[in-house]
Amino acid sequence: MCLDSLIPATYWMNTSQDTIIEDIINKNKRTVLPYLELLTRGAALQTRLNPHSVFKSLKDAGSLSDLWSLMFYSGYLTLEKQSPDGRVYWLKSPNHELNNYYREITERMIPSGML
């Protein structure tokens, strides 16, 4: 078998459901879409993190800070840098697989009239 003919495939994105994340994104679609577009281009988003987010409040209120915190603490975002005082973080997609995930969400929002 020639290694040149092997093409890596997406693996772990299809092993779970991202219901909480997608629900929050849908509740905040107008606000979230520009950030998702940043992530698909490999750019970082600037935010504060909330290590005390509660899952119920995430689903009910769905604040952007809580969304980015959930995504950071669960591996959907990675730290690029933080401010000297440690209060502001720049987060980006950790890999190509997640860039594709953010692109898919963005594409579903735009053509389906969700905006």
C-alpha atoms as a PDB file:
ATOM      1  CA  MET A   1       0.000   0.000   0.000  1.00  0.00           C
ATOM      2  CA  CYS A   2       1.365   3.417  -0.943  1.00  0.00           C
ATOM      3  CA  LEU A   3       1.129   6.047   1.801  1.00  0.00           C
ATOM      4  CA  ASP A   4       0.698   8.770  -0.813  1.00  0.00           C
ATOM      5  CA  SER A   5      -2.761   7.411  -1.618  1.00  0.00           C
ATOM      6  CA  LEU A   6      -4.049   7.618   1.954  1.00  0.00           C
ATOM      7  CA  ILE A   7      -6.219  10.623   2.737  1.00  0.00           C
ATOM      8  CA  PRO A   8      -6.877  11.462   6.390  1.00  0.00           C
ATOM      9  CA  ALA A   9     -10.559  11.768   7.231  1.00  0.00           C
ATOM     10  CA  THR A  10     -12.421  13.648   9.905  1.00  0.00           C
ATOM     11  CA  TYR A  11     -12.798  11.345  12.875  1.00  0.00           C
ATOM     12  CA  TRP A  12     -13.836  12.763  16.205  1.00  0.00           C
ATOM     13  CA  MET A  13     -16.303  15.387  14.913  1.00  0.00           C
ATOM     14  CA  ASN A  14     -18.726  12.580  14.126  1.00  0.00           C
ATOM     15  CA  THR A  15     -18.395  10.843  17.496  1.00  0.00           C
ATOM     16  CA  SER A  16     -20.519  13.236  19.567  1.00  0.00           C
ATOM     17  CA  GLN A  17     -23.393  15.670  19.406  1.00  0.00           C
ATOM     18  CA  ASP A  18     -22.758  19.359  19.845  1.00  0.00           C
ATOM     19  CA  THR A  19     -26.327  20.180  20.824  1.00  0.00           C
ATOM     20  CA  ILE A  20     -25.591  22.713  23.578  1.00  0.00           C
ATOM     21  CA  ILE A  21     -23.068  24.600  21.474  1.00  0.00           C
ATOM     22  CA  GLU A  22     -25.293  24.636  18.404  1.00  0.00           C
ATOM     23  CA  ASP A  23     -28.357  25.712  20.443  1.00  0.00           C
ATOM     24  CA  ILE A  24     -26.453  28.682  21.849  1.00  0.00           C
ATOM     25  CA  ILE A  25     -25.114  29.569  18.409  1.00  0.00           C
ATOM     26  CA  ASN A  26     -28.639  29.457  16.976  1.00  0.00           C
ATOM     27  CA  LYS A  27     -29.981  31.685  19.770  1.00  0.00           C
ATOM     28  CA  ASN A  28     -27.246  34.236  19.070  1.00  0.00           C
ATOM     29  CA  LYS A  29     -26.828  33.700  15.331  1.00  0.00           C
ATOM     30  CA  ARG A  30     -26.602  37.365  14.309  1.00  0.00           C
ATOM     31  CA  THR A  31     -23.931  38.037  16.902  1.00  0.00           C
ATOM     32  CA  VAL A  32     -22.040  34.749  16.574  1.00  0.00           C
ATOM     33  CA  LEU A  33     -21.779  34.565  12.773  1.00  0.00           C
ATOM     34  CA  PRO A  34     -18.964  37.148  12.394  1.00  0.00           C
ATOM     35  CA  TYR A  35     -16.938  35.318  15.058  1.00  0.00           C
ATOM     36  CA  LEU A  36     -17.430  31.960  13.343  1.00  0.00           C
ATOM     37  CA  GLU A  37     -16.257  33.515  10.101  1.00  0.00           C
ATOM     38  CA  LEU A  38     -13.122  34.741  11.911  1.00  0.00           C
ATOM     39  CA  LEU A  39     -12.459  31.235  13.189  1.00  0.00           C
ATOM     40  CA  THR A  40     -12.846  29.679   9.729  1.00  0.00           C
ATOM     41  CA  ARG A  41     -10.133  32.059   8.461  1.00  0.00           C
ATOM     42  CA  GLY A  42      -7.765  31.036  11.264  1.00  0.00           C
ATOM     43  CA  ALA A  43      -8.099  34.356  13.089  1.00  0.00           C
ATOM     44  CA  ALA A  44      -8.584  34.688  16.848  1.00  0.00           C
ATOM     45  CA  LEU A  45     -11.578  36.124  18.670  1.00  0.00           C
ATOM     46  CA  GLN A  46     -11.142  38.322  21.715  1.00  0.00           C
ATOM     47  CA  THR A  47     -13.189  37.579  24.835  1.00  0.00           C
ATOM     48  CA  ARG A  48     -13.292  37.074  28.561  1.00  0.00           C
ATOM     49  CA  LEU A  49     -13.741  33.548  29.871  1.00  0.00           C
ATOM     50  CA  ASN A  50     -16.154  32.447  32.552  1.00  0.00           C
ATOM     51  CA  PRO A  51     -14.836  29.386  34.412  1.00  0.00           C
ATOM     52  CA  HIS A  52     -18.008  29.366  36.534  1.00  0.00           C
ATOM     53  CA  SER A  53     -20.535  28.862  33.718  1.00  0.00           C
ATOM     54  CA  VAL A  54     -23.378  26.534  34.594  1.00  0.00           C
ATOM     55  CA  PHE A  55     -24.783  24.327  31.834  1.00  0.00           C
ATOM     56  CA  LYS A  56     -28.382  25.324  32.569  1.00  0.00           C
ATOM     57  CA  SER A  57     -27.537  29.007  32.280  1.00  0.00           C
ATOM     58  CA  LEU A  58     -25.656  28.290  29.059  1.00  0.00           C
ATOM     59  CA  LYS A  59     -28.726  26.786  27.466  1.00  0.00           C
ATOM     60  CA  ASP A  60     -31.175  29.335  28.889  1.00  0.00           C
ATOM     61  CA  ALA A  61     -29.287  32.608  28.569  1.00  0.00           C
ATOM     62  CA  GLY A  62     -26.611  31.663  26.093  1.00  0.00           C
ATOM     63  CA  SER A  63     -24.250  34.618  26.565  1.00  0.00           C
ATOM     64  CA  LEU A  64     -21.309  34.853  24.191  1.00  0.00           C
ATOM     65  CA  SER A  65     -18.806  34.794  27.037  1.00  0.00           C
ATOM     66  CA  ASP A  66     -20.369  31.565  28.286  1.00  0.00           C
ATOM     67  CA  LEU A  67     -20.352  30.096  24.778  1.00  0.00           C
ATOM     68  CA  TRP A  68     -16.652  30.877  24.239  1.00  0.00           C
ATOM     69  CA  SER A  69     -15.874  29.553  27.732  1.00  0.00           C
ATOM     70  CA  LEU A  70     -17.660  26.274  27.033  1.00  0.00           C
ATOM     71  CA  MET A  71     -15.937  25.923  23.684  1.00  0.00           C
ATOM     72  CA  PHE A  72     -12.522  26.720  25.177  1.00  0.00           C
ATOM     73  CA  TYR A  73     -12.828  24.384  28.169  1.00  0.00           C
ATOM     74  CA  SER A  74     -14.114  21.545  25.958  1.00  0.00           C
ATOM     75  CA  GLY A  75     -11.353  21.875  23.346  1.00  0.00           C
ATOM     76  CA  TYR A  76     -13.254  23.588  20.527  1.00  0.00           C
ATOM     77  CA  LEU A  77     -11.055  26.679  20.917  1.00  0.00           C
ATOM     78  CA  THR A  78      -7.453  27.106  21.979  1.00  0.00           C
ATOM     79  CA  LEU A  79      -5.564  29.975  23.577  1.00  0.00           C
ATOM     80  CA  GLU A  80      -3.514  32.139  21.237  1.00  0.00           C
ATOM     81  CA  LYS A  81      -2.606  34.792  23.835  1.00  0.00           C
ATOM     82  CA  GLN A  82      -3.966  36.624  26.837  1.00  0.00           C
ATOM     83  CA  SER A  83      -3.742  40.183  28.086  1.00  0.00           C
ATOM     84  CA  PRO A  84      -1.041  41.041  30.652  1.00  0.00           C
ATOM     85  CA  ASP A  85      -3.675  41.351  33.388  1.00  0.00           C
ATOM     86  CA  GLY A  86      -5.084  37.900  32.490  1.00  0.00           C
ATOM     87  CA  ARG A  87      -8.621  39.136  31.953  1.00  0.00           C
ATOM     88  CA  VAL A  88      -8.892  39.080  28.153  1.00  0.00           C
ATOM     89  CA  TYR A  89      -8.149  36.075  25.947  1.00  0.00           C
ATOM     90  CA  TRP A  90      -7.608  35.603  22.232  1.00  0.00           C
ATOM     91  CA  LEU A  91      -8.996  32.231  21.213  1.00  0.00           C
ATOM     92  CA  LYS A  92      -8.741  30.430  17.890  1.00  0.00           C
ATOM     93  CA  SER A  93      -9.604  27.137  16.309  1.00  0.00           C
ATOM     94  CA  PRO A  94      -7.073  24.463  17.303  1.00  0.00           C
ATOM     95  CA  ASN A  95      -7.123  22.594  13.990  1.00  0.00           C
ATOM     96  CA  HIS A  96      -8.395  22.244  10.437  1.00  0.00           C
ATOM     97  CA  GLU A  97     -11.126  19.810  11.473  1.00  0.00           C
ATOM     98  CA  LEU A  98     -12.745  22.411  13.711  1.00  0.00           C
ATOM     99  CA  ASN A  99     -12.309  25.121  11.065  1.00  0.00           C
ATOM    100  CA  ASN A 100     -14.462  22.911   8.834  1.00  0.00           C
ATOM    101  CA  TYR A 101     -17.013  22.488  11.626  1.00  0.00           C
ATOM    102  CA  TYR A 102     -17.300  26.283  12.044  1.00  0.00           C
ATOM    103  CA  ARG A 103     -17.545  26.671   8.265  1.00  0.00           C
ATOM    104  CA  GLU A 104     -20.370  24.111   8.124  1.00  0.00           C
ATOM    105  CA  ILE A 105     -22.308  25.929  10.839  1.00  0.00           C
ATOM    106  CA  THR A 106     -21.803  29.250   9.037  1.00  0.00           C
ATOM    107  CA  GLU A 107     -22.948  27.805   5.710  1.00  0.00           C
ATOM    108  CA  ARG A 108     -26.065  26.328   7.316  1.00  0.00           C
ATOM    109  CA  MET A 109     -26.977  29.710   8.795  1.00  0.00           C
ATOM    110  CA  ILE A 110     -26.581  31.815   5.673  1.00  0.00           C
ATOM    111  CA  PRO A 111     -28.402  29.893   2.904  1.00  0.00           C
ATOM    112  CA  SER A 112     -31.205  28.610   5.112  1.00  0.00           C
ATOM    113  CA  GLY A 113     -32.393  32.125   5.922  1.00  0.00           C
ATOM    114  CA  MET A 114     -31.541  31.802   9.590  1.00  0.00           C
ATOM    115  CA  LEU A 115     -30.204  35.359   9.697  1.00  0.00           C
END
